[in-house]
Protein backbone atom coordinates (compact mmCIF):
# COMPACT_ATOMS: atom_id res chain seq x y z
CA MET A 1 5.91 5.16 -24.98
CA LEU A 2 7.46 5.26 -22.04
CA ILE A 3 7.50 2.17 -19.16
CA PHE A 4 6.63 3.95 -15.48
CA MET A 5 7.50 1.70 -12.34
CA VAL A 6 4.13 2.58 -10.83
CA GLU A 7 4.17 1.62 -6.79
CA ALA A 8 0.54 1.09 -5.33
CA ILE A 9 0.49 0.62 -1.13
CA ILE A 10 -2.89 -0.60 0.53
CA THR A 11 -3.02 -0.62 3.92
CA ASN A 12 -6.04 -0.70 6.51
CA LYS A 13 -7.76 2.95 7.79
CA ARG A 14 -6.48 3.68 10.87
CA SER A 15 -9.89 3.47 11.80
CA VAL A 16 -9.68 -0.50 10.71
CA ARG A 17 -8.43 -2.71 13.13
CA ASP A 18 -5.14 -4.55 11.54
CA PRO A 19 -4.56 -7.96 13.23
CA GLU A 20 -1.68 -9.18 11.63
CA GLY A 21 0.06 -5.82 12.56
CA GLU A 22 -0.88 -6.38 15.67
CA THR A 23 0.40 -9.92 16.09
CA ILE A 24 3.45 -9.19 14.72
CA HIS A 25 4.45 -6.11 17.04
CA LYS A 26 3.44 -8.12 20.12
CA PHE A 27 4.44 -11.31 19.96
CA LEU A 28 7.83 -10.17 17.66
CA VAL A 29 8.69 -7.15 17.88
CA LEU A 30 8.36 -6.23 22.02
CA ARG A 31 9.21 -9.34 23.02
CA ARG A 32 12.68 -9.29 21.21
CA GLY A 33 12.47 -6.20 23.27
CA TYR A 34 12.12 -3.27 21.04
CA ASN A 35 10.36 -1.29 23.18
CA SER A 36 9.98 2.10 21.17
CA VAL A 37 8.54 0.79 17.85
CA LYS A 38 4.86 1.69 19.49
CA GLY A 39 2.68 0.00 16.54
CA ILE A 40 2.96 -1.62 13.19
CA ARG A 41 0.96 -1.68 9.85
CA THR A 42 0.36 -3.96 7.46
CA GLY A 43 -0.63 -3.77 3.80
CA LYS A 44 -0.23 -4.78 0.01
CA TYR A 45 2.27 -3.67 -2.05
CA LEU A 46 1.80 -3.92 -5.90
CA LEU A 47 4.68 -2.63 -8.38
CA PHE A 48 3.14 -1.69 -12.05
CA ASN A 49 5.10 -1.48 -15.44
CA VAL A 50 2.66 0.82 -17.05
CA GLU A 51 3.35 2.47 -20.71
CA ALA A 52 2.12 5.60 -20.85
CA SER A 53 3.50 8.75 -22.73
CA ASN A 54 4.07 10.80 -19.30
CA PRO A 55 4.21 9.88 -15.48
CA ASP A 56 0.53 11.45 -14.54
CA ASP A 57 -0.38 8.96 -17.50
CA ALA A 58 0.92 6.13 -16.09
CA LEU A 59 -0.23 7.10 -12.22
CA SER A 60 -4.26 8.20 -13.40
CA LYS A 61 -4.20 4.82 -15.10
CA VAL A 62 -2.77 3.24 -12.40
CA LYS A 63 -5.35 4.60 -9.85
CA GLU A 64 -8.08 3.82 -12.73
CA ILE A 65 -7.27 -0.17 -12.90
CA CYS A 66 -7.19 -0.28 -8.72
CA GLU A 67 -10.57 1.65 -8.48
CA LYS A 68 -12.46 -0.22 -11.23
CA LEU A 69 -10.81 -3.43 -10.45
CA ARG A 70 -11.53 -3.77 -6.58
CA ILE A 71 -8.03 -4.59 -5.84
CA TYR A 72 -8.98 -2.86 -2.57
CA ASN A 73 -11.99 -1.88 -0.44
CA PRO A 74 -12.08 2.27 -0.30
CA VAL A 75 -14.45 1.79 3.08
CA VAL A 76 -11.66 -0.15 4.98
CA HIS A 77 -8.69 0.41 2.86
CA ASP A 78 -6.61 3.70 2.17
CA ILE A 79 -4.13 3.19 -1.21
CA GLU A 80 -1.40 5.28 -2.02
CA VAL A 81 -0.22 5.59 -5.75
CA ARG A 82 3.06 6.86 -6.60
CA LEU A 83 6.12 6.40 -9.24
CA ARG A 84 8.68 4.34 -7.59
CA ALA A 85 11.80 6.17 -7.77
């Protein structure tokens, strides 16, 4: 068995407002003159150290954990699960 580092990135779906991202964009970034930034979305980042026989098993395990334990709400959130390089 090997240890794999698996990232889970949870963000609001595009159709869902992101008040935190909007606040950072409007009151920090734009006020400092970074007008080329047209939007910011916030989210959550989780890093799992998973013991598995191969990368696909590690990814599957993290996806299962996130879904079964309701770490995110699939109605309002998107999730990206990937191996950390």
